[in-house]
Amino acid sequence: MRGGLTQVGPTPARGTIQAAITAMTVLAALALFVSACGTGGTGARDEGPAHADAVVGATAPPSASPTGAPDRTEAVRLVKNDPAVSAEVKNELKPCAGDEYPVDVSYGHLTGGSGDDLIVNVLTCGDIVGLGSYVYREDGDGYANVFKAEEPPVYAEIDRGDLVVTNQVYEKGDPVSSPSGENVVTYRWVAGRFRKEYSWHNDYSSVVGDEPTPVPTTG
């Protein structure tokens, strides 16, 4: 049970009648305690659901108050209620089995805010292909969408405080499980937005040991 119960001891008994009343009170309290714990309820939630109303780069009112980092279910709700997310991605965001949605959720400091930023990757169920990647920034009473990438296959993650977005590249005839390479872009939060810092291409067919050379970019 959340919140716990604090039991206050009875006043010392005075005589037989007082002792009997005390015993009955304790038994009644114990029965009530057992009944409450046996209901199977989870009690009040520590975290409220997140509903995003903000679009990328906008200052519209953000989602519900982030009293704690959203769990996977709340992250799904955040994406589904986000007007910046495309209809195609929302249509594909369905449970794979039971109530398990194909999303990867991670947290970290990307935008210099007081709380953790939320990174959500929406995937397909069968091939685990990234359909969309989104960054939500804690903003006042909720979360605001500050980044999106919807060119599949795409995946976003945090690397030493930067946002790294990877797009796999397929040549004609490549199976979904075997792309030919990947394009990688590193973004850094500067002056209230993500700015591209580096970009490079990894060719999966290259000899093992070859390291790509990041190319600084502006923008």
N, C-alpha and C. Protein backbone atom coordinates (compact mmCIF):
# COMPACT_ATOMS: atom_id res chain seq x y z
N MET A 1 0.84 -1.19 0.00
CA MET A 1 0.00 0.00 0.00
C MET A 1 0.87 1.24 0.00
N ARG A 2 0.55 2.26 -0.83
CA ARG A 2 1.31 3.48 -0.87
C ARG A 2 0.85 4.39 0.25
N GLY A 3 1.80 5.12 0.80
CA GLY A 3 1.47 6.04 1.85
C GLY A 3 1.63 5.42 3.21
N GLY A 4 1.43 4.08 3.33
CA GLY A 4 1.61 3.37 4.58
C GLY A 4 0.52 3.72 5.57
N LEU A 5 0.53 3.04 6.69
CA LEU A 5 -0.42 3.29 7.76
C LEU A 5 0.36 3.56 9.03
N THR A 6 -0.05 4.56 9.77
CA THR A 6 0.59 4.86 11.04
C THR A 6 -0.37 4.49 12.14
N GLN A 7 0.02 3.53 12.94
CA GLN A 7 -0.83 3.09 14.02
C GLN A 7 -0.44 3.81 15.30
N VAL A 8 -1.46 4.35 15.99
CA VAL A 8 -1.22 5.04 17.24
C VAL A 8 -1.63 4.12 18.36
N GLY A 9 -0.75 3.92 19.30
CA GLY A 9 -1.03 3.00 20.39
C GLY A 9 -2.11 3.54 21.30
N PRO A 10 -2.95 2.68 21.89
CA PRO A 10 -4.04 3.11 22.75
C PRO A 10 -3.51 3.62 24.08
N THR A 11 -4.35 4.41 24.76
CA THR A 11 -4.02 4.90 26.10
C THR A 11 -3.97 3.71 27.05
N PRO A 12 -3.02 3.67 27.99
CA PRO A 12 -2.90 2.53 28.90
C PRO A 12 -4.25 2.21 29.54
N ALA A 13 -4.57 0.91 29.56
CA ALA A 13 -5.88 0.44 30.04
C ALA A 13 -6.05 0.75 31.51
N ARG A 14 -7.30 1.12 31.86
CA ARG A 14 -7.65 1.33 33.25
C ARG A 14 -8.84 0.44 33.58
N GLY A 15 -8.53 -0.71 34.11
CA GLY A 15 -9.58 -1.64 34.49
C GLY A 15 -9.94 -2.60 33.40
N THR A 16 -10.78 -3.54 33.68
CA THR A 16 -11.15 -4.60 32.74
C THR A 16 -11.92 -4.06 31.56
N ILE A 17 -12.85 -3.12 31.76
CA ILE A 17 -13.67 -2.61 30.67
C ILE A 17 -12.81 -1.88 29.65
N GLN A 18 -11.88 -1.03 30.18
CA GLN A 18 -11.00 -0.29 29.27
C GLN A 18 -10.12 -1.24 28.46
N ALA A 19 -9.64 -2.30 29.06
CA ALA A 19 -8.81 -3.29 28.36
C ALA A 19 -9.60 -3.96 27.26
N ALA A 20 -10.86 -4.29 27.54
CA ALA A 20 -11.68 -4.96 26.53
C ALA A 20 -11.94 -4.04 25.34
N ILE A 21 -12.23 -2.75 25.64
CA ILE A 21 -12.46 -1.80 24.55
C ILE A 21 -11.22 -1.64 23.69
N THR A 22 -10.07 -1.57 24.35
CA THR A 22 -8.81 -1.43 23.61
C THR A 22 -8.57 -2.62 22.71
N ALA A 23 -8.80 -3.82 23.21
CA ALA A 23 -8.59 -5.03 22.41
C ALA A 23 -9.50 -5.06 21.20
N MET A 24 -10.77 -4.67 21.39
CA MET A 24 -11.71 -4.66 20.27
C MET A 24 -11.30 -3.62 19.23
N THR A 25 -10.80 -2.47 19.70
CA THR A 25 -10.37 -1.43 18.76
C THR A 25 -9.20 -1.90 17.89
N VAL A 26 -8.24 -2.55 18.54
CA VAL A 26 -7.08 -3.07 17.81
C VAL A 26 -7.51 -4.11 16.79
N LEU A 27 -8.40 -5.03 17.18
CA LEU A 27 -8.87 -6.06 16.25
C LEU A 27 -9.61 -5.44 15.08
N ALA A 28 -10.43 -4.43 15.34
CA ALA A 28 -11.17 -3.79 14.26
C ALA A 28 -10.21 -3.09 13.30
N ALA A 29 -9.22 -2.40 13.87
CA ALA A 29 -8.24 -1.72 13.02
C ALA A 29 -7.46 -2.70 12.18
N LEU A 30 -7.10 -3.86 12.79
CA LEU A 30 -6.36 -4.88 12.06
C LEU A 30 -7.20 -5.44 10.93
N ALA A 31 -8.48 -5.68 11.19
CA ALA A 31 -9.36 -6.21 10.15
C ALA A 31 -9.50 -5.21 9.00
N LEU A 32 -9.63 -3.94 9.34
CA LEU A 32 -9.72 -2.91 8.31
C LEU A 32 -8.45 -2.83 7.48
N PHE A 33 -7.30 -2.94 8.15
CA PHE A 33 -5.99 -2.92 7.46
C PHE A 33 -5.88 -4.07 6.48
N VAL A 34 -6.24 -5.29 6.91
CA VAL A 34 -6.15 -6.47 6.05
C VAL A 34 -7.09 -6.33 4.88
N SER A 35 -8.31 -5.82 5.13
CA SER A 35 -9.28 -5.66 4.06
C SER A 35 -8.80 -4.68 3.02
N ALA A 36 -8.20 -3.56 3.47
CA ALA A 36 -7.72 -2.54 2.53
C ALA A 36 -6.59 -3.06 1.68
N CYS A 37 -5.67 -3.82 2.28
CA CYS A 37 -4.52 -4.34 1.53
C CYS A 37 -4.90 -5.49 0.62
N GLY A 38 -6.04 -6.10 0.86
CA GLY A 38 -6.42 -7.26 0.06
C GLY A 38 -7.31 -6.92 -1.11
N THR A 39 -7.56 -5.63 -1.36
CA THR A 39 -8.45 -5.26 -2.45
C THR A 39 -7.79 -5.38 -3.80
N GLY A 40 -6.44 -5.41 -3.85
CA GLY A 40 -5.73 -5.54 -5.13
C GLY A 40 -5.52 -4.21 -5.82
N GLY A 41 -5.92 -3.09 -5.21
CA GLY A 41 -5.74 -1.79 -5.81
C GLY A 41 -4.29 -1.35 -5.74
N THR A 42 -3.94 -0.41 -6.57
CA THR A 42 -2.57 0.09 -6.60
C THR A 42 -2.44 1.42 -5.90
N GLY A 43 -3.54 1.99 -5.47
CA GLY A 43 -3.46 3.26 -4.79
C GLY A 43 -3.29 4.39 -5.77
N ALA A 44 -3.03 5.58 -5.27
CA ALA A 44 -2.88 6.75 -6.13
C ALA A 44 -1.60 6.66 -6.93
N ARG A 45 -1.63 7.14 -8.18
CA ARG A 45 -0.45 7.13 -9.04
C ARG A 45 0.49 8.23 -8.62
N ASP A 46 1.80 7.96 -8.72
CA ASP A 46 2.81 8.96 -8.42
C ASP A 46 3.02 9.89 -9.60
N GLU A 47 2.65 9.43 -10.81
CA GLU A 47 2.90 10.22 -12.01
C GLU A 47 1.61 10.38 -12.78
N GLY A 48 1.33 11.58 -13.22
CA GLY A 48 0.16 11.81 -14.04
C GLY A 48 0.48 11.57 -15.50
N PRO A 49 -0.53 11.29 -16.33
CA PRO A 49 -0.30 11.08 -17.75
C PRO A 49 0.14 12.35 -18.43
N ALA A 50 0.95 12.18 -19.48
CA ALA A 50 1.46 13.34 -20.20
C ALA A 50 0.69 13.51 -21.49
N HIS A 51 0.19 14.72 -21.76
CA HIS A 51 -0.53 15.01 -23.00
C HIS A 51 0.13 16.21 -23.65
N ALA A 52 0.76 15.99 -24.81
CA ALA A 52 1.51 17.07 -25.45
C ALA A 52 0.61 17.85 -26.38
N ASP A 53 0.61 19.17 -26.24
CA ASP A 53 -0.12 20.05 -27.13
C ASP A 53 0.83 20.91 -27.95
N ALA A 54 2.12 20.85 -27.65
CA ALA A 54 3.09 21.72 -28.31
C ALA A 54 3.61 21.08 -29.58
N VAL A 55 3.93 21.90 -30.57
CA VAL A 55 4.55 21.41 -31.80
C VAL A 55 6.02 21.77 -31.75
N VAL A 56 6.77 21.26 -32.70
CA VAL A 56 8.21 21.48 -32.72
C VAL A 56 8.52 22.97 -32.82
N GLY A 57 9.33 23.44 -31.87
CA GLY A 57 9.77 24.81 -31.90
C GLY A 57 8.72 25.83 -31.47
N ALA A 58 7.51 25.39 -31.10
CA ALA A 58 6.46 26.33 -30.73
C ALA A 58 6.48 26.59 -29.24
N THR A 59 5.71 27.58 -28.82
CA THR A 59 5.63 27.91 -27.41
C THR A 59 4.22 27.66 -26.88
N ALA A 60 3.48 26.78 -27.54
CA ALA A 60 2.13 26.45 -27.08
C ALA A 60 2.21 25.75 -25.74
N PRO A 61 1.10 25.77 -24.95
CA PRO A 61 1.12 25.11 -23.65
C PRO A 61 1.53 23.66 -23.78
N PRO A 62 2.48 23.20 -22.97
CA PRO A 62 2.95 21.82 -23.06
C PRO A 62 1.99 20.85 -22.42
N SER A 63 2.46 19.60 -22.22
CA SER A 63 1.61 18.53 -21.73
C SER A 63 1.36 18.67 -20.24
N ALA A 64 0.70 17.63 -19.68
CA ALA A 64 0.38 17.65 -18.26
C ALA A 64 1.63 17.69 -17.40
N SER A 65 1.48 18.09 -16.17
CA SER A 65 2.61 18.31 -15.27
C SER A 65 3.49 17.08 -15.13
N PRO A 66 4.82 17.22 -15.38
CA PRO A 66 5.73 16.08 -15.29
C PRO A 66 6.19 15.85 -13.86
N THR A 67 5.34 15.21 -13.05
CA THR A 67 5.71 14.95 -11.66
C THR A 67 6.76 13.86 -11.56
N GLY A 68 7.08 13.20 -12.65
CA GLY A 68 8.10 12.17 -12.69
C GLY A 68 8.31 11.79 -14.14
N ALA A 69 9.40 11.09 -14.45
CA ALA A 69 9.66 10.69 -15.83
C ALA A 69 8.55 9.78 -16.33
N PRO A 70 7.95 10.08 -17.49
CA PRO A 70 6.86 9.25 -18.02
C PRO A 70 7.32 7.82 -18.27
N ASP A 71 6.45 6.86 -18.00
CA ASP A 71 6.77 5.49 -18.33
C ASP A 71 6.42 5.24 -19.80
N ARG A 72 6.54 3.99 -20.26
CA ARG A 72 6.32 3.69 -21.67
C ARG A 72 4.89 4.02 -22.10
N THR A 73 3.91 3.66 -21.25
CA THR A 73 2.52 3.92 -21.59
C THR A 73 2.26 5.40 -21.73
N GLU A 74 2.81 6.20 -20.84
CA GLU A 74 2.61 7.65 -20.90
C GLU A 74 3.36 8.26 -22.07
N ALA A 75 4.52 7.66 -22.43
CA ALA A 75 5.27 8.14 -23.59
C ALA A 75 4.47 7.91 -24.87
N VAL A 76 3.79 6.76 -24.96
CA VAL A 76 2.94 6.47 -26.11
C VAL A 76 1.82 7.49 -26.19
N ARG A 77 1.20 7.79 -25.06
CA ARG A 77 0.13 8.77 -25.03
C ARG A 77 0.64 10.15 -25.44
N LEU A 78 1.86 10.46 -25.04
CA LEU A 78 2.46 11.74 -25.39
C LEU A 78 2.61 11.86 -26.89
N VAL A 79 3.10 10.80 -27.54
CA VAL A 79 3.29 10.82 -28.99
C VAL A 79 1.95 10.88 -29.71
N LYS A 80 0.99 10.11 -29.27
CA LYS A 80 -0.31 10.06 -29.94
C LYS A 80 -1.05 11.39 -29.85
N ASN A 81 -0.84 12.13 -28.78
CA ASN A 81 -1.52 13.42 -28.61
C ASN A 81 -0.71 14.60 -29.14
N ASP A 82 0.43 14.33 -29.75
CA ASP A 82 1.32 15.38 -30.23
C ASP A 82 0.94 15.77 -31.66
N PRO A 83 0.50 17.00 -31.90
CA PRO A 83 0.13 17.41 -33.26
C PRO A 83 1.32 17.47 -34.22
N ALA A 84 2.55 17.46 -33.68
CA ALA A 84 3.73 17.50 -34.55
C ALA A 84 4.05 16.14 -35.13
N VAL A 85 3.50 15.08 -34.59
CA VAL A 85 3.75 13.72 -35.08
C VAL A 85 2.82 13.44 -36.26
N SER A 86 3.38 12.87 -37.31
CA SER A 86 2.60 12.63 -38.53
C SER A 86 1.50 11.59 -38.30
N ALA A 87 0.47 11.67 -39.12
CA ALA A 87 -0.63 10.71 -39.04
C ALA A 87 -0.15 9.31 -39.36
N GLU A 88 0.84 9.20 -40.26
CA GLU A 88 1.36 7.87 -40.63
C GLU A 88 1.98 7.17 -39.43
N VAL A 89 2.78 7.91 -38.66
CA VAL A 89 3.41 7.31 -37.50
C VAL A 89 2.37 6.94 -36.44
N LYS A 90 1.42 7.82 -36.23
CA LYS A 90 0.37 7.54 -35.25
C LYS A 90 -0.43 6.30 -35.64
N ASN A 91 -0.71 6.14 -36.93
CA ASN A 91 -1.47 4.98 -37.39
C ASN A 91 -0.70 3.68 -37.17
N GLU A 92 0.63 3.75 -37.25
CA GLU A 92 1.46 2.56 -37.08
C GLU A 92 1.75 2.26 -35.61
N LEU A 93 1.48 3.22 -34.74
CA LEU A 93 1.77 3.05 -33.32
C LEU A 93 0.65 2.26 -32.66
N LYS A 94 0.76 0.95 -32.79
CA LYS A 94 -0.24 0.03 -32.24
C LYS A 94 0.48 -1.04 -31.43
N PRO A 95 -0.22 -1.65 -30.47
CA PRO A 95 0.42 -2.71 -29.66
C PRO A 95 0.84 -3.89 -30.52
N CYS A 96 2.01 -4.42 -30.23
CA CYS A 96 2.49 -5.61 -30.94
C CYS A 96 1.87 -6.88 -30.34
N ALA A 97 1.78 -6.90 -29.02
CA ALA A 97 1.19 -8.05 -28.31
C ALA A 97 0.65 -7.52 -26.98
N GLY A 98 -0.60 -7.81 -26.72
CA GLY A 98 -1.20 -7.33 -25.49
C GLY A 98 -1.24 -5.81 -25.49
N ASP A 99 -0.63 -5.21 -24.50
CA ASP A 99 -0.57 -3.74 -24.43
C ASP A 99 0.86 -3.24 -24.58
N GLU A 100 1.73 -4.06 -25.20
CA GLU A 100 3.13 -3.68 -25.40
C GLU A 100 3.29 -2.92 -26.72
N TYR A 101 3.62 -1.64 -26.60
CA TYR A 101 3.81 -0.83 -27.79
C TYR A 101 5.28 -0.86 -28.24
N PRO A 102 5.52 -0.77 -29.56
CA PRO A 102 6.90 -0.81 -30.07
C PRO A 102 7.58 0.55 -29.96
N VAL A 103 7.93 0.94 -28.75
CA VAL A 103 8.62 2.20 -28.54
C VAL A 103 9.84 1.97 -27.64
N ASP A 104 10.88 2.72 -27.92
CA ASP A 104 12.05 2.79 -27.03
C ASP A 104 12.03 4.16 -26.37
N VAL A 105 12.12 4.18 -25.06
CA VAL A 105 12.06 5.42 -24.31
C VAL A 105 13.35 5.57 -23.50
N SER A 106 13.99 6.73 -23.59
CA SER A 106 15.19 6.99 -22.81
C SER A 106 15.15 8.43 -22.29
N TYR A 107 15.97 8.69 -21.27
CA TYR A 107 15.98 10.00 -20.63
C TYR A 107 17.42 10.49 -20.51
N GLY A 108 17.57 11.81 -20.51
CA GLY A 108 18.90 12.37 -20.34
C GLY A 108 18.88 13.88 -20.49
N HIS A 109 20.02 14.50 -20.27
CA HIS A 109 20.14 15.95 -20.37
C HIS A 109 20.64 16.33 -21.75
N LEU A 110 19.76 16.93 -22.53
CA LEU A 110 20.10 17.36 -23.88
C LEU A 110 19.95 18.86 -24.07
N THR A 111 19.00 19.47 -23.39
CA THR A 111 18.64 20.85 -23.68
C THR A 111 18.99 21.82 -22.55
N GLY A 112 19.68 21.34 -21.53
CA GLY A 112 20.09 22.22 -20.45
C GLY A 112 18.99 22.62 -19.50
N GLY A 113 17.86 21.91 -19.55
CA GLY A 113 16.76 22.21 -18.65
C GLY A 113 17.00 21.65 -17.26
N SER A 114 16.06 21.94 -16.36
CA SER A 114 16.20 21.48 -14.98
C SER A 114 15.89 19.99 -14.83
N GLY A 115 15.12 19.44 -15.76
CA GLY A 115 14.76 18.04 -15.69
C GLY A 115 15.31 17.26 -16.87
N ASP A 116 15.08 15.95 -16.86
CA ASP A 116 15.53 15.09 -17.95
C ASP A 116 14.69 15.33 -19.19
N ASP A 117 15.34 15.31 -20.34
CA ASP A 117 14.63 15.32 -21.61
C ASP A 117 14.21 13.89 -21.94
N LEU A 118 13.15 13.77 -22.70
CA LEU A 118 12.58 12.47 -23.04
C LEU A 118 12.80 12.19 -24.52
N ILE A 119 13.42 11.05 -24.84
CA ILE A 119 13.64 10.63 -26.23
C ILE A 119 12.78 9.41 -26.51
N VAL A 120 11.93 9.50 -27.51
CA VAL A 120 11.02 8.41 -27.86
C VAL A 120 11.28 7.98 -29.30
N ASN A 121 11.56 6.70 -29.49
CA ASN A 121 11.70 6.12 -30.83
C ASN A 121 10.53 5.20 -31.07
N VAL A 122 9.78 5.45 -32.15
CA VAL A 122 8.65 4.61 -32.53
C VAL A 122 9.13 3.62 -33.58
N LEU A 123 8.89 2.33 -33.33
CA LEU A 123 9.39 1.26 -34.18
C LEU A 123 8.25 0.44 -34.77
N THR A 124 8.58 -0.40 -35.73
CA THR A 124 7.61 -1.37 -36.22
C THR A 124 7.68 -2.62 -35.37
N CYS A 125 6.62 -3.39 -35.38
CA CYS A 125 6.59 -4.59 -34.54
C CYS A 125 7.45 -5.71 -35.09
N GLY A 126 7.31 -6.00 -36.38
CA GLY A 126 7.98 -7.17 -36.94
C GLY A 126 9.46 -6.99 -37.16
N ASP A 127 9.82 -5.96 -37.92
CA ASP A 127 11.22 -5.78 -38.31
C ASP A 127 11.99 -4.82 -37.41
N ILE A 128 11.32 -4.22 -36.44
CA ILE A 128 11.96 -3.26 -35.53
C ILE A 128 12.63 -2.15 -36.33
N VAL A 129 11.90 -1.58 -37.26
CA VAL A 129 12.39 -0.47 -38.07
C VAL A 129 11.92 0.83 -37.43
N GLY A 130 12.82 1.79 -37.30
CA GLY A 130 12.46 3.07 -36.71
C GLY A 130 11.62 3.91 -37.63
N LEU A 131 10.41 4.25 -37.18
CA LEU A 131 9.50 5.06 -38.00
C LEU A 131 9.62 6.55 -37.70
N GLY A 132 9.92 6.87 -36.45
CA GLY A 132 10.02 8.26 -36.05
C GLY A 132 10.76 8.40 -34.74
N SER A 133 11.49 9.50 -34.60
CA SER A 133 12.23 9.78 -33.37
C SER A 133 11.88 11.18 -32.90
N TYR A 134 11.66 11.32 -31.57
CA TYR A 134 11.18 12.59 -31.03
C TYR A 134 11.88 12.91 -29.72
N VAL A 135 12.10 14.21 -29.51
CA VAL A 135 12.68 14.68 -28.25
C VAL A 135 11.67 15.62 -27.60
N TYR A 136 11.38 15.35 -26.33
CA TYR A 136 10.46 16.19 -25.57
C TYR A 136 11.22 16.83 -24.42
N ARG A 137 11.04 18.13 -24.29
CA ARG A 137 11.73 18.89 -23.26
C ARG A 137 10.76 19.27 -22.15
N GLU A 138 11.17 19.04 -20.91
CA GLU A 138 10.34 19.46 -19.79
C GLU A 138 10.24 20.98 -19.82
N ASP A 139 9.00 21.47 -19.84
CA ASP A 139 8.78 22.90 -20.02
C ASP A 139 7.63 23.34 -19.13
N GLY A 140 7.95 23.93 -18.01
CA GLY A 140 6.91 24.41 -17.12
C GLY A 140 6.07 23.26 -16.57
N ASP A 141 4.81 23.23 -16.99
CA ASP A 141 3.89 22.22 -16.48
C ASP A 141 3.79 20.99 -17.37
N GLY A 142 4.69 20.79 -18.30
CA GLY A 142 4.56 19.61 -19.16
C GLY A 142 5.78 19.40 -20.03
N TYR A 143 5.55 18.77 -21.18
CA TYR A 143 6.62 18.46 -22.13
C TYR A 143 6.29 19.08 -23.48
N ALA A 144 7.29 19.66 -24.11
CA ALA A 144 7.15 20.26 -25.43
C ALA A 144 8.03 19.51 -26.43
N ASN A 145 7.50 19.28 -27.61
CA ASN A 145 8.24 18.62 -28.68
C ASN A 145 9.24 19.61 -29.25
N VAL A 146 10.54 19.29 -29.15
CA VAL A 146 11.58 20.19 -29.66
C VAL A 146 12.38 19.58 -30.80
N PHE A 147 12.05 18.34 -31.17
CA PHE A 147 12.76 17.70 -32.29
C PHE A 147 11.96 16.52 -32.79
N LYS A 148 11.97 16.35 -34.11
CA LYS A 148 11.38 15.14 -34.68
C LYS A 148 12.13 14.76 -35.95
N ALA A 149 12.21 13.46 -36.21
CA ALA A 149 12.79 12.92 -37.44
C ALA A 149 11.91 11.77 -37.87
N GLU A 150 11.35 11.86 -39.06
CA GLU A 150 10.38 10.86 -39.53
C GLU A 150 10.75 10.34 -40.92
N GLU A 151 12.02 10.08 -41.12
CA GLU A 151 12.49 9.49 -42.37
C GLU A 151 13.03 8.10 -42.05
N PRO A 152 12.19 7.07 -42.09
CA PRO A 152 12.62 5.72 -41.70
C PRO A 152 13.60 5.13 -42.71
N PRO A 153 14.43 4.21 -42.19
CA PRO A 153 14.60 3.79 -40.79
C PRO A 153 15.43 4.82 -40.01
N VAL A 154 14.93 5.25 -38.88
CA VAL A 154 15.59 6.29 -38.10
C VAL A 154 15.61 5.90 -36.63
N TYR A 155 16.67 6.34 -35.94
CA TYR A 155 16.78 6.07 -34.49
C TYR A 155 17.58 7.19 -33.85
N ALA A 156 17.09 7.69 -32.71
CA ALA A 156 17.77 8.78 -32.00
C ALA A 156 18.22 8.30 -30.64
N GLU A 157 19.36 8.82 -30.19
CA GLU A 157 19.90 8.47 -28.87
C GLU A 157 20.79 9.59 -28.37
N ILE A 158 21.16 9.49 -27.09
CA ILE A 158 22.02 10.49 -26.47
C ILE A 158 23.46 9.97 -26.44
N ASP A 159 24.39 10.82 -26.83
CA ASP A 159 25.80 10.47 -26.77
C ASP A 159 26.57 11.65 -26.19
N ARG A 160 26.99 11.52 -24.93
CA ARG A 160 27.78 12.54 -24.24
C ARG A 160 27.13 13.92 -24.31
N GLY A 161 25.84 13.93 -24.07
CA GLY A 161 25.12 15.19 -24.02
C GLY A 161 24.63 15.72 -25.35
N ASP A 162 24.93 15.02 -26.44
CA ASP A 162 24.46 15.42 -27.77
C ASP A 162 23.39 14.46 -28.25
N LEU A 163 22.58 14.92 -29.19
CA LEU A 163 21.57 14.08 -29.82
C LEU A 163 22.15 13.49 -31.10
N VAL A 164 22.16 12.18 -31.19
CA VAL A 164 22.69 11.49 -32.37
C VAL A 164 21.55 10.77 -33.08
N VAL A 165 21.34 11.10 -34.34
CA VAL A 165 20.26 10.51 -35.12
C VAL A 165 20.85 9.70 -36.27
N THR A 166 20.44 8.45 -36.35
CA THR A 166 20.97 7.53 -37.37
C THR A 166 19.87 7.12 -38.34
N ASN A 167 20.15 7.27 -39.63
CA ASN A 167 19.25 6.79 -40.69
C ASN A 167 19.96 5.68 -41.45
N GLN A 168 19.39 4.50 -41.44
CA GLN A 168 19.98 3.40 -42.20
C GLN A 168 19.71 3.59 -43.69
N VAL A 169 20.67 3.15 -44.50
CA VAL A 169 20.60 3.33 -45.95
C VAL A 169 20.50 1.97 -46.62
N TYR A 170 19.55 1.86 -47.54
CA TYR A 170 19.35 0.60 -48.28
C TYR A 170 19.60 0.83 -49.76
N GLU A 171 20.31 -0.10 -50.35
CA GLU A 171 20.45 -0.11 -51.79
C GLU A 171 19.46 -1.10 -52.38
N LYS A 172 19.26 -1.04 -53.65
CA LYS A 172 18.28 -1.91 -54.30
C LYS A 172 18.62 -3.37 -54.03
N GLY A 173 17.65 -4.10 -53.55
CA GLY A 173 17.84 -5.52 -53.27
C GLY A 173 18.22 -5.82 -51.84
N ASP A 174 18.52 -4.81 -51.03
CA ASP A 174 18.87 -5.04 -49.63
C ASP A 174 17.65 -5.50 -48.84
N PRO A 175 17.77 -6.59 -48.08
CA PRO A 175 16.67 -6.97 -47.18
C PRO A 175 16.58 -5.99 -46.03
N VAL A 176 15.42 -5.97 -45.38
CA VAL A 176 15.22 -5.03 -44.28
C VAL A 176 16.23 -5.25 -43.18
N SER A 177 16.64 -6.50 -42.98
CA SER A 177 17.57 -6.82 -41.90
C SER A 177 19.02 -6.50 -42.22
N SER A 178 19.31 -6.13 -43.49
CA SER A 178 20.70 -5.90 -43.89
C SER A 178 20.85 -4.65 -44.73
N PRO A 179 20.83 -3.47 -44.09
CA PRO A 179 21.06 -2.23 -44.84
C PRO A 179 22.51 -2.14 -45.30
N SER A 180 22.76 -1.33 -46.29
CA SER A 180 24.11 -1.18 -46.83
C SER A 180 24.97 -0.24 -46.00
N GLY A 181 24.34 0.66 -45.28
CA GLY A 181 25.10 1.61 -44.49
C GLY A 181 24.18 2.48 -43.66
N GLU A 182 24.74 3.58 -43.16
CA GLU A 182 23.95 4.48 -42.33
C GLU A 182 24.49 5.90 -42.44
N ASN A 183 23.59 6.85 -42.32
CA ASN A 183 23.96 8.26 -42.22
C ASN A 183 23.73 8.69 -40.77
N VAL A 184 24.74 9.31 -40.18
CA VAL A 184 24.68 9.69 -38.77
C VAL A 184 24.86 11.20 -38.65
N VAL A 185 23.97 11.82 -37.89
CA VAL A 185 24.04 13.27 -37.67
C VAL A 185 24.03 13.54 -36.17
N THR A 186 24.93 14.38 -35.73
CA THR A 186 25.00 14.80 -34.33
C THR A 186 24.45 16.22 -34.20
N TYR A 187 23.50 16.38 -33.28
CA TYR A 187 22.90 17.69 -33.03
C TYR A 187 23.26 18.15 -31.62
N ARG A 188 23.39 19.46 -31.48
CA ARG A 188 23.68 20.05 -30.17
C ARG A 188 22.69 21.18 -29.91
N TRP A 189 22.23 21.26 -28.66
CA TRP A 189 21.26 22.29 -28.28
C TRP A 189 21.97 23.63 -28.14
N VAL A 190 21.61 24.58 -29.01
CA VAL A 190 22.24 25.90 -29.01
C VAL A 190 21.15 26.95 -29.20
N ALA A 191 21.11 27.92 -28.30
CA ALA A 191 20.20 29.06 -28.40
C ALA A 191 18.75 28.62 -28.58
N GLY A 192 18.34 27.61 -27.81
CA GLY A 192 16.94 27.22 -27.81
C GLY A 192 16.50 26.29 -28.92
N ARG A 193 17.45 25.69 -29.63
CA ARG A 193 17.09 24.73 -30.67
C ARG A 193 18.25 23.78 -30.93
N PHE A 194 17.97 22.68 -31.63
CA PHE A 194 19.02 21.74 -31.99
C PHE A 194 19.70 22.21 -33.28
N ARG A 195 21.03 22.27 -33.23
CA ARG A 195 21.81 22.66 -34.39
C ARG A 195 22.70 21.50 -34.82
N LYS A 196 22.74 21.27 -36.12
CA LYS A 196 23.56 20.18 -36.65
C LYS A 196 25.05 20.51 -36.45
N GLU A 197 25.77 19.57 -35.83
CA GLU A 197 27.19 19.78 -35.57
C GLU A 197 28.08 18.94 -36.49
N TYR A 198 27.73 17.66 -36.62
CA TYR A 198 28.55 16.75 -37.44
C TYR A 198 27.62 15.82 -38.21
N SER A 199 28.13 15.34 -39.33
CA SER A 199 27.41 14.31 -40.09
C SER A 199 28.43 13.44 -40.82
N TRP A 200 28.14 12.18 -40.92
CA TRP A 200 29.03 11.26 -41.62
C TRP A 200 28.25 10.03 -42.07
N HIS A 201 28.89 9.26 -42.93
CA HIS A 201 28.28 8.04 -43.47
C HIS A 201 29.14 6.84 -43.11
N ASN A 202 28.49 5.80 -42.64
CA ASN A 202 29.16 4.52 -42.38
C ASN A 202 28.71 3.52 -43.43
N ASP A 203 29.67 2.95 -44.14
CA ASP A 203 29.37 1.92 -45.13
C ASP A 203 29.60 0.57 -44.48
N TYR A 204 28.55 -0.21 -44.30
CA TYR A 204 28.68 -1.50 -43.63
C TYR A 204 29.56 -2.48 -44.38
N SER A 205 29.77 -2.26 -45.66
CA SER A 205 30.60 -3.17 -46.45
C SER A 205 32.08 -2.83 -46.37
N SER A 206 32.40 -1.71 -45.69
CA SER A 206 33.81 -1.31 -45.58
C SER A 206 34.58 -2.31 -44.73
N VAL A 207 35.87 -2.29 -44.89
CA VAL A 207 36.72 -3.17 -44.11
C VAL A 207 36.62 -2.80 -42.65
N VAL A 208 36.50 -3.78 -41.79
CA VAL A 208 36.39 -3.53 -40.36
C VAL A 208 37.63 -2.80 -39.87
N GLY A 209 37.44 -1.77 -39.13
CA GLY A 209 38.57 -0.98 -38.63
C GLY A 209 38.64 0.40 -39.23
N ASP A 210 37.97 0.59 -40.39
CA ASP A 210 37.93 1.92 -40.98
C ASP A 210 37.02 2.80 -40.14
N GLU A 211 37.50 3.93 -39.75
CA GLU A 211 36.71 4.86 -38.94
C GLU A 211 36.27 6.04 -39.78
N PRO A 212 34.98 6.37 -39.76
CA PRO A 212 34.52 7.54 -40.51
C PRO A 212 35.05 8.82 -39.90
N THR A 213 35.24 9.81 -40.72
CA THR A 213 35.73 11.11 -40.23
C THR A 213 34.56 12.08 -40.19
N PRO A 214 34.16 12.51 -38.98
CA PRO A 214 33.05 13.46 -38.88
C PRO A 214 33.38 14.76 -39.60
N VAL A 215 32.38 15.31 -40.28
CA VAL A 215 32.56 16.55 -41.01
C VAL A 215 31.74 17.62 -40.32
N PRO A 216 32.39 18.63 -39.72
CA PRO A 216 31.62 19.70 -39.06
C PRO A 216 30.73 20.43 -40.05
N THR A 217 29.53 20.73 -39.63
CA THR A 217 28.60 21.46 -40.47
C THR A 217 28.02 22.61 -39.67
N THR A 218 27.40 23.50 -40.35
CA THR A 218 26.74 24.62 -39.68
C THR A 218 25.27 24.59 -40.05
N GLY A 219 24.48 25.18 -39.22
CA GLY A 219 23.07 25.24 -39.54
C GLY A 219 22.22 25.09 -38.33
